[in-house]
Structures are given as structure tokens and as C-alpha cells.
Amino acid sequence: MSRPSDLVQGTLDALILRTLSLEPLHGLAIAGRLRAQSDDELSVSRGSLYPALHKLERQGLLRAEWRPSASGRRAKYYALTKAGARHLAKETKEWARLSRAVSLVLKPT
């Protein structure tokens, strides 16, 4: 999903926030978790993931710290902030409303 044209704008941000609501992760682990949780339907490129992570960090929705990864290399781990959790709750509610409306329109009569 390098430029996720098949997703509503902002969806990647919500998916990242949801993934990080479970535990802090580094970028490659976030991409892997998204792929696994979507049954291999969502593949996020580095060119989409890292700019989104940096933007969410600048907005105060994520915090980041460098620490050793499982492989022993240093990696930047991202975690949800309280503001990020509030934003995720709002986006989840909005997504439910929007997806319900789209389903109503696409539902065969």
C-alpha cells in the first residue's frame, strides 16, 4: 500500500494508532503486524509508513524512543500517547459511521 489509493485518506494513521494501542513497536514490526492482522491484504511500504509515523509523532499522537530490537540492533519504538488514544477513539467511531453509510449504499436491494 505505497500510496493507499484504495483506502480513505487518513486510514493508515488510524491503522497505525490501533496497532500501537496494543504495545510499542518499531516500524518494521508495525508493517508486519498490519499485514498479519489483515490476512496479508495490507502491505505498507516504508515510503508510506515512516512519513506517517513522523507526522503522528509531530502531532503528539505518538512518542518514540530508541532501544535495542529483538535482533540486538537499535530501533525507534513508537508508542501511543494519551492524545493518540483519544484520537484513535474518535477515528474509530468516525470509521464505524462512515463504513456503515458506505455499506448501506453498496448493499443490494
PDB file of N, CA and C in Angstrom:
ATOM      1  N   MET A   1       0.860  -1.169   0.000  1.00  0.00           N
ATOM      2  CA  MET A   1       0.000   0.000   0.000  1.00  0.00           C
ATOM      3  C   MET A   1       0.897   1.218   0.000  1.00  0.00           C
ATOM      4  N   SER A   2       1.634   1.438  -1.055  1.00  0.00           N
ATOM      5  CA  SER A   2       2.584   2.536  -1.069  1.00  0.00           C
ATOM      6  C   SER A   2       1.881   3.888  -1.026  1.00  0.00           C
ATOM      7  N   ARG A   3       0.940   4.126  -1.882  1.00  0.00           N
ATOM      8  CA  ARG A   3       0.069   5.297  -1.776  1.00  0.00           C
ATOM      9  C   ARG A   3      -1.329   4.706  -1.757  1.00  0.00           C
ATOM     10  N   PRO A   4      -1.887   4.512  -0.563  1.00  0.00           N
ATOM     11  CA  PRO A   4      -3.122   3.724  -0.437  1.00  0.00           C
ATOM     12  C   PRO A   4      -4.323   4.383  -1.097  1.00  0.00           C
ATOM     13  N   SER A   5      -4.359   4.314  -2.425  1.00  0.00           N
ATOM     14  CA  SER A   5      -5.456   4.941  -3.157  1.00  0.00           C
ATOM     15  C   SER A   5      -6.771   4.211  -2.925  1.00  0.00           C
ATOM     16  N   ASP A   6      -6.683   2.951  -2.492  1.00  0.00           N
ATOM     17  CA  ASP A   6      -7.909   2.202  -2.270  1.00  0.00           C
ATOM     18  C   ASP A   6      -8.452   2.373  -0.849  1.00  0.00           C
ATOM     19  N   LEU A   7      -7.826   3.213  -0.065  1.00  0.00           N
ATOM     20  CA  LEU A   7      -8.300   3.487   1.294  1.00  0.00           C
ATOM     21  C   LEU A   7      -8.640   4.955   1.446  1.00  0.00           C
ATOM     22  N   VAL A   8      -9.579   5.238   2.303  1.00  0.00           N
ATOM     23  CA  VAL A   8      -9.944   6.612   2.602  1.00  0.00           C
ATOM     24  C   VAL A   8      -8.734   7.297   3.218  1.00  0.00           C
ATOM     25  N   GLN A   9      -8.479   8.545   2.827  1.00  0.00           N
ATOM     26  CA  GLN A   9      -7.336   9.271   3.363  1.00  0.00           C
ATOM     27  C   GLN A   9      -7.406   9.316   4.889  1.00  0.00           C
ATOM     28  N   GLY A  10      -6.290   9.080   5.533  1.00  0.00           N
ATOM     29  CA  GLY A  10      -6.245   9.063   6.983  1.00  0.00           C
ATOM     30  C   GLY A  10      -6.394   7.682   7.577  1.00  0.00           C
ATOM     31  N   THR A  11      -6.757   6.707   6.756  1.00  0.00           N
ATOM     32  CA  THR A  11      -6.950   5.347   7.258  1.00  0.00           C
ATOM     33  C   THR A  11      -5.648   4.752   7.766  1.00  0.00           C
ATOM     34  N   LEU A  12      -4.541   4.991   7.069  1.00  0.00           N
ATOM     35  CA  LEU A  12      -3.257   4.463   7.506  1.00  0.00           C
ATOM     36  C   LEU A  12      -2.928   4.974   8.904  1.00  0.00           C
ATOM     37  N   ASP A  13      -3.181   6.245   9.161  1.00  0.00           N
ATOM     38  CA  ASP A  13      -2.936   6.798  10.502  1.00  0.00           C
ATOM     39  C   ASP A  13      -3.729   6.031  11.556  1.00  0.00           C
ATOM     40  N   ALA A  14      -4.991   5.788  11.283  1.00  0.00           N
ATOM     41  CA  ALA A  14      -5.842   5.071  12.242  1.00  0.00           C
ATOM     42  C   ALA A  14      -5.344   3.640  12.438  1.00  0.00           C
ATOM     43  N   LEU A  15      -4.904   3.002  11.368  1.00  0.00           N
ATOM     44  CA  LEU A  15      -4.392   1.631  11.477  1.00  0.00           C
ATOM     45  C   LEU A  15      -3.112   1.587  12.306  1.00  0.00           C
ATOM     46  N   ILE A  16      -2.257   2.574  12.125  1.00  0.00           N
ATOM     47  CA  ILE A  16      -1.027   2.656  12.921  1.00  0.00           C
ATOM     48  C   ILE A  16      -1.372   2.880  14.390  1.00  0.00           C
ATOM     49  N   LEU A  17      -2.268   3.822  14.660  1.00  0.00           N
ATOM     50  CA  LEU A  17      -2.650   4.100  16.048  1.00  0.00           C
ATOM     51  C   LEU A  17      -3.248   2.860  16.703  1.00  0.00           C
ATOM     52  N   ARG A  18      -4.089   2.151  15.980  1.00  0.00           N
ATOM     53  CA  ARG A  18      -4.709   0.941  16.535  1.00  0.00           C
ATOM     54  C   ARG A  18      -3.646  -0.116  16.828  1.00  0.00           C
ATOM     55  N   THR A  19      -2.731  -0.295  15.913  1.00  0.00           N
ATOM     56  CA  THR A  19      -1.669  -1.278  16.107  1.00  0.00           C
ATOM     57  C   THR A  19      -0.832  -0.934  17.333  1.00  0.00           C
ATOM     58  N   LEU A  20      -0.522   0.338  17.513  1.00  0.00           N
ATOM     59  CA  LEU A  20       0.303   0.752  18.649  1.00  0.00           C
ATOM     60  C   LEU A  20      -0.481   0.846  19.948  1.00  0.00           C
ATOM     61  N   SER A  21      -1.802   0.728  19.879  1.00  0.00           N
ATOM     62  CA  SER A  21      -2.592   0.720  21.121  1.00  0.00           C
ATOM     63  C   SER A  21      -2.374  -0.587  21.883  1.00  0.00           C
ATOM     64  N   LEU A  22      -1.856  -1.597  21.203  1.00  0.00           N
ATOM     65  CA  LEU A  22      -1.612  -2.894  21.826  1.00  0.00           C
ATOM     66  C   LEU A  22      -0.279  -2.937  22.556  1.00  0.00           C
ATOM     67  N   GLU A  23       0.764  -2.360  21.923  1.00  0.00           N
ATOM     68  CA  GLU A  23       2.100  -2.334  22.516  1.00  0.00           C
ATOM     69  C   GLU A  23       3.008  -1.461  21.663  1.00  0.00           C
ATOM     70  N   PRO A  24       4.074  -0.915  22.246  1.00  0.00           N
ATOM     71  CA  PRO A  24       5.046  -0.165  21.447  1.00  0.00           C
ATOM     72  C   PRO A  24       5.750  -1.095  20.459  1.00  0.00           C
ATOM     73  N   LEU A  25       5.981  -0.605  19.245  1.00  0.00           N
ATOM     74  CA  LEU A  25       6.645  -1.394  18.204  1.00  0.00           C
ATOM     75  C   LEU A  25       7.529  -0.491  17.364  1.00  0.00           C
ATOM     76  N   HIS A  26       8.505  -1.082  16.684  1.00  0.00           N
ATOM     77  CA  HIS A  26       9.307  -0.337  15.716  1.00  0.00           C
ATOM     78  C   HIS A  26       8.631  -0.452  14.348  1.00  0.00           C
ATOM     79  N   GLY A  27       9.089   0.347  13.407  1.00  0.00           N
ATOM     80  CA  GLY A  27       8.433   0.450  12.111  1.00  0.00           C
ATOM     81  C   GLY A  27       8.206  -0.861  11.380  1.00  0.00           C
ATOM     82  N   LEU A  28       9.246  -1.680  11.261  1.00  0.00           N
ATOM     83  CA  LEU A  28       9.080  -2.943  10.533  1.00  0.00           C
ATOM     84  C   LEU A  28       8.089  -3.864  11.239  1.00  0.00           C
ATOM     85  N   ALA A  29       8.067  -3.826  12.554  1.00  0.00           N
ATOM     86  CA  ALA A  29       7.104  -4.645  13.304  1.00  0.00           C
ATOM     87  C   ALA A  29       5.682  -4.134  13.095  1.00  0.00           C
ATOM     88  N   ILE A  30       5.521  -2.827  12.975  1.00  0.00           N
ATOM     89  CA  ILE A  30       4.196  -2.250  12.712  1.00  0.00           C
ATOM     90  C   ILE A  30       3.701  -2.748  11.350  1.00  0.00           C
ATOM     91  N   ALA A  31       4.564  -2.660  10.341  1.00  0.00           N
ATOM     92  CA  ALA A  31       4.189  -3.123   8.996  1.00  0.00           C
ATOM     93  C   ALA A  31       3.833  -4.605   9.020  1.00  0.00           C
ATOM     94  N   GLY A  32       4.603  -5.402   9.722  1.00  0.00           N
ATOM     95  CA  GLY A  32       4.329  -6.834   9.815  1.00  0.00           C
ATOM     96  C   GLY A  32       3.029  -7.124  10.527  1.00  0.00           C
ATOM     97  N   ARG A  33       2.761  -6.392  11.595  1.00  0.00           N
ATOM     98  CA  ARG A  33       1.514  -6.592  12.344  1.00  0.00           C
ATOM     99  C   ARG A  33       0.309  -6.220  11.480  1.00  0.00           C
ATOM    100  N   LEU A  34       0.400  -5.111  10.746  1.00  0.00           N
ATOM    101  CA  LEU A  34      -0.706  -4.718   9.862  1.00  0.00           C
ATOM    102  C   LEU A  34      -0.961  -5.782   8.794  1.00  0.00           C
ATOM    103  N   ARG A  35       0.123  -6.301   8.232  1.00  0.00           N
ATOM    104  CA  ARG A  35      -0.020  -7.347   7.205  1.00  0.00           C
ATOM    105  C   ARG A  35      -0.659  -8.591   7.804  1.00  0.00           C
ATOM    106  N   ALA A  36      -0.197  -9.005   8.970  1.00  0.00           N
ATOM    107  CA  ALA A  36      -0.728 -10.217   9.609  1.00  0.00           C
ATOM    108  C   ALA A  36      -2.187 -10.042  10.021  1.00  0.00           C
ATOM    109  N   GLN A  37      -2.520  -8.899  10.606  1.00  0.00           N
ATOM    110  CA  GLN A  37      -3.893  -8.692  11.072  1.00  0.00           C
ATOM    111  C   GLN A  37      -4.883  -8.529   9.930  1.00  0.00           C
ATOM    112  N   SER A  38      -4.382  -8.200   8.743  1.00  0.00           N
ATOM    113  CA  SER A  38      -5.280  -8.021   7.592  1.00  0.00           C
ATOM    114  C   SER A  38      -5.280  -9.242   6.678  1.00  0.00           C
ATOM    115  N   ASP A  39      -4.803 -10.378   7.177  1.00  0.00           N
ATOM    116  CA  ASP A  39      -4.703 -11.586   6.350  1.00  0.00           C
ATOM    117  C   ASP A  39      -3.927 -11.315   5.062  1.00  0.00           C
ATOM    118  N   ASP A  40      -2.833 -10.599   5.184  1.00  0.00           N
ATOM    119  CA  ASP A  40      -1.926 -10.273   4.078  1.00  0.00           C
ATOM    120  C   ASP A  40      -2.553  -9.379   3.003  1.00  0.00           C
ATOM    121  N   GLU A  41      -3.606  -8.655   3.335  1.00  0.00           N
ATOM    122  CA  GLU A  41      -4.238  -7.745   2.369  1.00  0.00           C
ATOM    123  C   GLU A  41      -3.569  -6.379   2.354  1.00  0.00           C
ATOM    124  N   LEU A  42      -3.033  -5.948   3.495  1.00  0.00           N
ATOM    125  CA  LEU A  42      -2.435  -4.620   3.599  1.00  0.00           C
ATOM    126  C   LEU A  42      -0.921  -4.748   3.733  1.00  0.00           C
ATOM    127  N   SER A  43      -0.228  -4.244   2.748  1.00  0.00           N
ATOM    128  CA  SER A  43       1.227  -4.222   2.760  1.00  0.00           C
ATOM    129  C   SER A  43       1.657  -2.764   2.687  1.00  0.00           C
ATOM    130  N   VAL A  44       2.204  -2.268   3.778  1.00  0.00           N
ATOM    131  CA  VAL A  44       2.564  -0.849   3.864  1.00  0.00           C
ATOM    132  C   VAL A  44       4.038  -0.684   3.523  1.00  0.00           C
ATOM    133  N   SER A  45       4.328   0.143   2.546  1.00  0.00           N
ATOM    134  CA  SER A  45       5.718   0.391   2.165  1.00  0.00           C
ATOM    135  C   SER A  45       6.373   1.336   3.164  1.00  0.00           C
ATOM    136  N   ARG A  46       7.682   1.290   3.213  1.00  0.00           N
ATOM    137  CA  ARG A  46       8.436   2.213   4.067  1.00  0.00           C
ATOM    138  C   ARG A  46       8.143   3.654   3.679  1.00  0.00           C
ATOM    139  N   GLY A  47       7.955   3.888   2.375  1.00  0.00           N
ATOM    140  CA  GLY A  47       7.695   5.240   1.880  1.00  0.00           C
ATOM    141  C   GLY A  47       6.376   5.818   2.347  1.00  0.00           C
ATOM    142  N   SER A  48       5.460   4.975   2.783  1.00  0.00           N
ATOM    143  CA  SER A  48       4.192   5.440   3.350  1.00  0.00           C
ATOM    144  C   SER A  48       4.225   5.394   4.873  1.00  0.00           C
ATOM    145  N   LEU A  49       4.831   4.337   5.414  1.00  0.00           N
ATOM    146  CA  LEU A  49       4.802   4.124   6.858  1.00  0.00           C
ATOM    147  C   LEU A  49       5.589   5.169   7.631  1.00  0.00           C
ATOM    148  N   TYR A  50       6.844   5.385   7.261  1.00  0.00           N
ATOM    149  CA  TYR A  50       7.685   6.266   8.072  1.00  0.00           C
ATOM    150  C   TYR A  50       7.246   7.732   8.036  1.00  0.00           C
ATOM    151  N   PRO A  51       6.832   8.264   6.888  1.00  0.00           N
ATOM    152  CA  PRO A  51       6.285   9.631   6.926  1.00  0.00           C
ATOM    153  C   PRO A  51       5.042   9.729   7.821  1.00  0.00           C
ATOM    154  N   ALA A  52       4.199   8.702   7.799  1.00  0.00           N
ATOM    155  CA  ALA A  52       3.003   8.705   8.651  1.00  0.00           C
ATOM    156  C   ALA A  52       3.405   8.659  10.128  1.00  0.00           C
ATOM    157  N   LEU A  53       4.384   7.829  10.472  1.00  0.00           N
ATOM    158  CA  LEU A  53       4.848   7.758  11.864  1.00  0.00           C
ATOM    159  C   LEU A  53       5.423   9.093  12.322  1.00  0.00           C
ATOM    160  N   HIS A  54       6.235   9.717  11.482  1.00  0.00           N
ATOM    161  CA  HIS A  54       6.828  11.005  11.837  1.00  0.00           C
ATOM    162  C   HIS A  54       5.766  12.082  12.000  1.00  0.00           C
ATOM    163  N   LYS A  55       4.767  12.070  11.122  1.00  0.00           N
ATOM    164  CA  LYS A  55       3.675  13.043  11.228  1.00  0.00           C
ATOM    165  C   LYS A  55       2.910  12.843  12.530  1.00  0.00           C
ATOM    166  N   LEU A  56       2.574  11.603  12.860  1.00  0.00           N
ATOM    167  CA  LEU A  56       1.828  11.315  14.091  1.00  0.00           C
ATOM    168  C   LEU A  56       2.647  11.689  15.323  1.00  0.00           C
ATOM    169  N   GLU A  57       3.957  11.521  15.244  1.00  0.00           N
ATOM    170  CA  GLU A  57       4.830  11.926  16.357  1.00  0.00           C
ATOM    171  C   GLU A  57       4.829  13.454  16.493  1.00  0.00           C
ATOM    172  N   ARG A  58       4.955  14.164  15.377  1.00  0.00           N
ATOM    173  CA  ARG A  58       4.922  15.644  15.409  1.00  0.00           C
ATOM    174  C   ARG A  58       3.596  16.159  15.970  1.00  0.00           C
ATOM    175  N   GLN A  59       2.519  15.451  15.680  1.00  0.00           N
ATOM    176  CA  GLN A  59       1.198  15.856  16.162  1.00  0.00           C
ATOM    177  C   GLN A  59       0.985  15.513  17.636  1.00  0.00           C
ATOM    178  N   GLY A  60       1.922  14.813  18.246  1.00  0.00           N
ATOM    179  CA  GLY A  60       1.803  14.445  19.650  1.00  0.00           C
ATOM    180  C   GLY A  60       0.931  13.220  19.899  1.00  0.00           C
ATOM    181  N   LEU A  61       0.618  12.476  18.846  1.00  0.00           N
ATOM    182  CA  LEU A  61      -0.218  11.283  18.988  1.00  0.00           C
ATOM    183  C   LEU A  61       0.617  10.043  19.287  1.00  0.00           C
ATOM    184  N   LEU A  62       1.917  10.128  18.972  1.00  0.00           N
ATOM    185  CA  LEU A  62       2.869   9.062  19.267  1.00  0.00           C
ATOM    186  C   LEU A  62       4.083   9.666  19.955  1.00  0.00           C
ATOM    187  N   ARG A  63       4.756   8.852  20.751  1.00  0.00           N
ATOM    188  CA  ARG A  63       6.077   9.211  21.263  1.00  0.00           C
ATOM    189  C   ARG A  63       7.014   8.111  20.800  1.00  0.00           C
ATOM    190  N   ALA A  64       8.290   8.431  20.701  1.00  0.00           N
ATOM    191  CA  ALA A  64       9.247   7.457  20.190  1.00  0.00           C
ATOM    192  C   ALA A  64      10.510   7.470  21.035  1.00  0.00           C
ATOM    193  N   GLU A  65      11.144   6.310  21.107  1.00  0.00           N
ATOM    194  CA  GLU A  65      12.433   6.198  21.780  1.00  0.00           C
ATOM    195  C   GLU A  65      13.269   5.132  21.091  1.00  0.00           C
ATOM    196  N   TRP A  66      14.566   5.357  21.064  1.00  0.00           N
ATOM    197  CA  TRP A  66      15.492   4.393  20.503  1.00  0.00           C
ATOM    198  C   TRP A  66      15.820   3.357  21.565  1.00  0.00           C
ATOM    199  N   ARG A  67      15.776   2.074  21.171  1.00  0.00           N
ATOM    200  CA  ARG A  67      16.165   0.991  22.074  1.00  0.00           C
ATOM    201  C   ARG A  67      16.502  -0.247  21.245  1.00  0.00           C
ATOM    202  N   PRO A  68      17.143  -1.231  21.867  1.00  0.00           N
ATOM    203  CA  PRO A  68      17.519  -2.433  21.115  1.00  0.00           C
ATOM    204  C   PRO A  68      16.287  -3.231  20.689  1.00  0.00           C
ATOM    205  N   SER A  69      16.340  -3.754  19.477  1.00  0.00           N
ATOM    206  CA  SER A  69      15.261  -4.619  18.995  1.00  0.00           C
ATOM    207  C   SER A  69      15.602  -6.061  19.353  1.00  0.00           C
ATOM    208  N   ALA A  70      14.744  -6.982  18.975  1.00  0.00           N
ATOM    209  CA  ALA A  70      14.974  -8.407  19.240  1.00  0.00           C
ATOM    210  C   ALA A  70      16.261  -8.903  18.579  1.00  0.00           C
ATOM    211  N   SER A  71      16.632  -8.275  17.459  1.00  0.00           N
ATOM    212  CA  SER A  71      17.856  -8.672  16.761  1.00  0.00           C
ATOM    213  C   SER A  71      19.100  -8.057  17.382  1.00  0.00           C
ATOM    214  N   GLY A  72      18.913  -7.177  18.362  1.00  0.00           N
ATOM    215  CA  GLY A  72      20.037  -6.523  19.018  1.00  0.00           C
ATOM    216  C   GLY A  72      20.407  -5.187  18.404  1.00  0.00           C
ATOM    217  N   ARG A  73      19.847  -4.865  17.254  1.00  0.00           N
ATOM    218  CA  ARG A  73      20.106  -3.569  16.617  1.00  0.00           C
ATOM    219  C   ARG A  73      19.216  -2.521  17.237  1.00  0.00           C
ATOM    220  N   ARG A  74      19.679  -1.277  17.217  1.00  0.00           N
ATOM    221  CA  ARG A  74      18.848  -0.186  17.734  1.00  0.00           C
ATOM    222  C   ARG A  74      17.714   0.107  16.762  1.00  0.00           C
ATOM    223  N   ALA A  75      16.539   0.337  17.321  1.00  0.00           N
ATOM    224  CA  ALA A  75      15.369   0.649  16.502  1.00  0.00           C
ATOM    225  C   ALA A  75      14.551   1.701  17.233  1.00  0.00           C
ATOM    226  N   LYS A  76      13.841   2.492  16.468  1.00  0.00           N
ATOM    227  CA  LYS A  76      12.979   3.520  17.048  1.00  0.00           C
ATOM    228  C   LYS A  76      11.621   2.890  17.325  1.00  0.00           C
ATOM    229  N   TYR A  77      11.271   2.813  18.602  1.00  0.00           N
ATOM    230  CA  TYR A  77       9.990   2.235  19.019  1.00  0.00           C
ATOM    231  C   TYR A  77       8.974   3.353  19.213  1.00  0.00           C
ATOM    232  N   TYR A  78       7.796   3.134  18.690  1.00  0.00           N
ATOM    233  CA  TYR A  78       6.716   4.107  18.776  1.00  0.00           C
ATOM    234  C   TYR A  78       5.656   3.604  19.750  1.00  0.00           C
ATOM    235  N   ALA A  79       5.093   4.532  20.512  1.00  0.00           N
ATOM    236  CA  ALA A  79       4.034   4.200  21.468  1.00  0.00           C
ATOM    237  C   ALA A  79       2.955   5.267  21.402  1.00  0.00           C
ATOM    238  N   LEU A  80       1.745   4.873  21.694  1.00  0.00           N
ATOM    239  CA  LEU A  80       0.603   5.771  21.702  1.00  0.00           C
ATOM    240  C   LEU A  80       0.668   6.699  22.910  1.00  0.00           C
ATOM    241  N   THR A  81       0.370   7.970  22.718  1.00  0.00           N
ATOM    242  CA  THR A  81       0.239   8.908  23.833  1.00  0.00           C
ATOM    243  C   THR A  81      -1.230   8.946  24.258  1.00  0.00           C
ATOM    244  N   LYS A  82      -1.521   9.641  25.339  1.00  0.00           N
ATOM    245  CA  LYS A  82      -2.925   9.801  25.752  1.00  0.00           C
ATOM    246  C   LYS A  82      -3.717  10.524  24.668  1.00  0.00           C
ATOM    247  N   ALA A  83      -3.109  11.532  24.068  1.00  0.00           N
ATOM    248  CA  ALA A  83      -3.774  12.240  22.967  1.00  0.00           C
ATOM    249  C   ALA A  83      -4.010  11.298  21.790  1.00  0.00           C
ATOM    250  N   GLY A  84      -3.057  10.398  21.546  1.00  0.00           N
ATOM    251  CA  GLY A  84      -3.207   9.416  20.477  1.00  0.00           C
ATOM    252  C   GLY A  84      -4.349   8.457  20.751  1.00  0.00           C
ATOM    253  N   ALA A  85      -4.502   8.049  22.002  1.00  0.00           N
ATOM    254  CA  ALA A  85      -5.607   7.154  22.374  1.00  0.00           C
ATOM    255  C   ALA A  85      -6.949   7.856  22.179  1.00  0.00           C
ATOM    256  N   ARG A  86      -7.016   9.124  22.552  1.00  0.00           N
ATOM    257  CA  ARG A  86      -8.267   9.877  22.343  1.00  0.00           C
ATOM    258  C   ARG A  86      -8.571  10.025  20.852  1.00  0.00           C
ATOM    259  N   HIS A  87      -7.533  10.318  20.076  1.00  0.00           N
ATOM    260  CA  HIS A  87      -7.708  10.470  18.629  1.00  0.00           C
ATOM    261  C   HIS A  87      -8.148   9.142  18.001  1.00  0.00           C
ATOM    262  N   LEU A  88      -7.569   8.045  18.451  1.00  0.00           N
ATOM    263  CA  LEU A  88      -7.954   6.731  17.947  1.00  0.00           C
ATOM    264  C   LEU A  88      -9.419   6.441  18.246  1.00  0.00           C
ATOM    265  N   ALA A  89      -9.874   6.747  19.445  1.00  0.00           N
ATOM    266  CA  ALA A  89     -11.281   6.518  19.798  1.00  0.00           C
ATOM    267  C   ALA A  89     -12.197   7.323  18.881  1.00  0.00           C
ATOM    268  N   LYS A  90     -11.838   8.569  18.626  1.00  0.00           N
ATOM    269  CA  LYS A  90     -12.632   9.431  17.750  1.00  0.00           C
ATOM    270  C   LYS A  90     -12.640   8.883  16.319  1.00  0.00           C
ATOM    271  N   GLU A  91     -11.460   8.501  15.812  1.00  0.00           N
ATOM    272  CA  GLU A  91     -11.361   7.972  14.451  1.00  0.00           C
ATOM    273  C   GLU A  91     -12.086   6.636  14.302  1.00  0.00           C
ATOM    274  N   THR A  92     -12.041   5.808  15.325  1.00  0.00           N
ATOM    275  CA  THR A  92     -12.739   4.520  15.281  1.00  0.00           C
ATOM    276  C   THR A  92     -14.245   4.737  15.177  1.00  0.00           C
ATOM    277  N   LYS A  93     -14.742   5.670  15.955  1.00  0.00           N
ATOM    278  CA  LYS A  93     -16.176   5.990  15.909  1.00  0.00           C
ATOM    279  C   LYS A  93     -16.564   6.549  14.535  1.00  0.00           C
ATOM    280  N   GLU A  94     -15.716   7.424  13.996  1.00  0.00           N
ATOM    281  CA  GLU A  94     -15.984   8.014  12.680  1.00  0.00           C
ATOM    282  C   GLU A  94     -15.924   6.938  11.584  1.00  0.00           C
ATOM    283  N   TRP A  95     -14.949   6.018  11.687  1.00  0.00           N
ATOM    284  CA  TRP A  95     -14.830   4.942  10.708  1.00  0.00           C
ATOM    285  C   TRP A  95     -16.078   4.050  10.737  1.00  0.00           C
ATOM    286  N   ALA A  96     -16.576   3.742  11.919  1.00  0.00           N
ATOM    287  CA  ALA A  96     -17.778   2.907  12.037  1.00  0.00           C
ATOM    288  C   ALA A  96     -18.968   3.594  11.368  1.00  0.00           C
ATOM    289  N   ARG A  97     -19.088   4.901  11.576  1.00  0.00           N
ATOM    290  CA  ARG A  97     -20.178   5.657  10.958  1.00  0.00           C
ATOM    291  C   ARG A  97     -20.045   5.665   9.437  1.00  0.00           C
ATOM    292  N   LEU A  98     -18.840   5.940   8.963  1.00  0.00           N
ATOM    293  CA  LEU A  98     -18.603   6.017   7.520  1.00  0.00           C
ATOM    294  C   LEU A  98     -18.775   4.655   6.851  1.00  0.00           C
ATOM    295  N   SER A  99     -18.212   3.603   7.438  1.00  0.00           N
ATOM    296  CA  SER A  99     -18.310   2.280   6.809  1.00  0.00           C
ATOM    297  C   SER A  99     -19.747   1.778   6.803  1.00  0.00           C
ATOM    298  N   ARG A 100     -20.518   2.129   7.824  1.00  0.00           N
ATOM    299  CA  ARG A 100     -21.944   1.768   7.835  1.00  0.00           C
ATOM    300  C   ARG A 100     -22.674   2.462   6.693  1.00  0.00           C
ATOM    301  N   ALA A 101     -22.383   3.752   6.498  1.00  0.00           N
ATOM    302  CA  ALA A 101     -23.040   4.507   5.433  1.00  0.00           C
ATOM    303  C   ALA A 101     -22.679   3.944   4.056  1.00  0.00           C
ATOM    304  N   VAL A 102     -21.413   3.627   3.839  1.00  0.00           N
ATOM    305  CA  VAL A 102     -20.986   3.061   2.558  1.00  0.00           C
ATOM    306  C   VAL A 102     -21.641   1.696   2.348  1.00  0.00           C
ATOM    307  N   SER A 103     -21.699   0.890   3.394  1.00  0.00           N
ATOM    308  CA  SER A 103     -22.340  -0.426   3.286  1.00  0.00           C
ATOM    309  C   SER A 103     -23.809  -0.299   2.910  1.00  0.00           C
ATOM    310  N   LEU A 104     -24.485   0.694   3.462  1.00  0.00           N
ATOM    311  CA  LEU A 104     -25.894   0.902   3.125  1.00  0.00           C
ATOM    312  C   LEU A 104     -26.075   1.220   1.647  1.00  0.00           C
ATOM    313  N   VAL A 105     -25.160   2.027   1.112  1.00  0.00           N
ATOM    314  CA  VAL A 105     -25.260   2.402  -0.298  1.00  0.00           C
ATOM    315  C   VAL A 105     -24.926   1.221  -1.198  1.00  0.00           C
ATOM    316  N   LEU A 106     -23.919   0.432  -0.827  1.00  0.00           N
ATOM    317  CA  LEU A 106     -23.482  -0.688  -1.667  1.00  0.00           C
ATOM    318  C   LEU A 106     -24.327  -1.939  -1.505  1.00  0.00           C
ATOM    319  N   LYS A 107     -25.123  -2.001  -0.465  1.00  0.00           N
ATOM    320  CA  LYS A 107     -25.945  -3.177  -0.166  1.00  0.00           C
ATOM    321  C   LYS A 107     -26.977  -3.385  -1.280  1.00  0.00           C
ATOM    322  N   PRO A 108     -27.011  -4.601  -1.817  1.00  0.00           N
ATOM    323  CA  PRO A 108     -28.024  -4.861  -2.850  1.00  0.00           C
ATOM    324  C   PRO A 108     -29.430  -4.788  -2.257  1.00  0.00           C
ATOM    325  N   THR A 109     -30.344  -4.277  -3.048  1.00  0.00           N
ATOM    326  CA  THR A 109     -31.734  -4.148  -2.564  1.00  0.00           C
ATOM    327  C   THR A 109     -32.565  -5.346  -2.983  1.00  0.00           C
TER     328      THR A 109
END
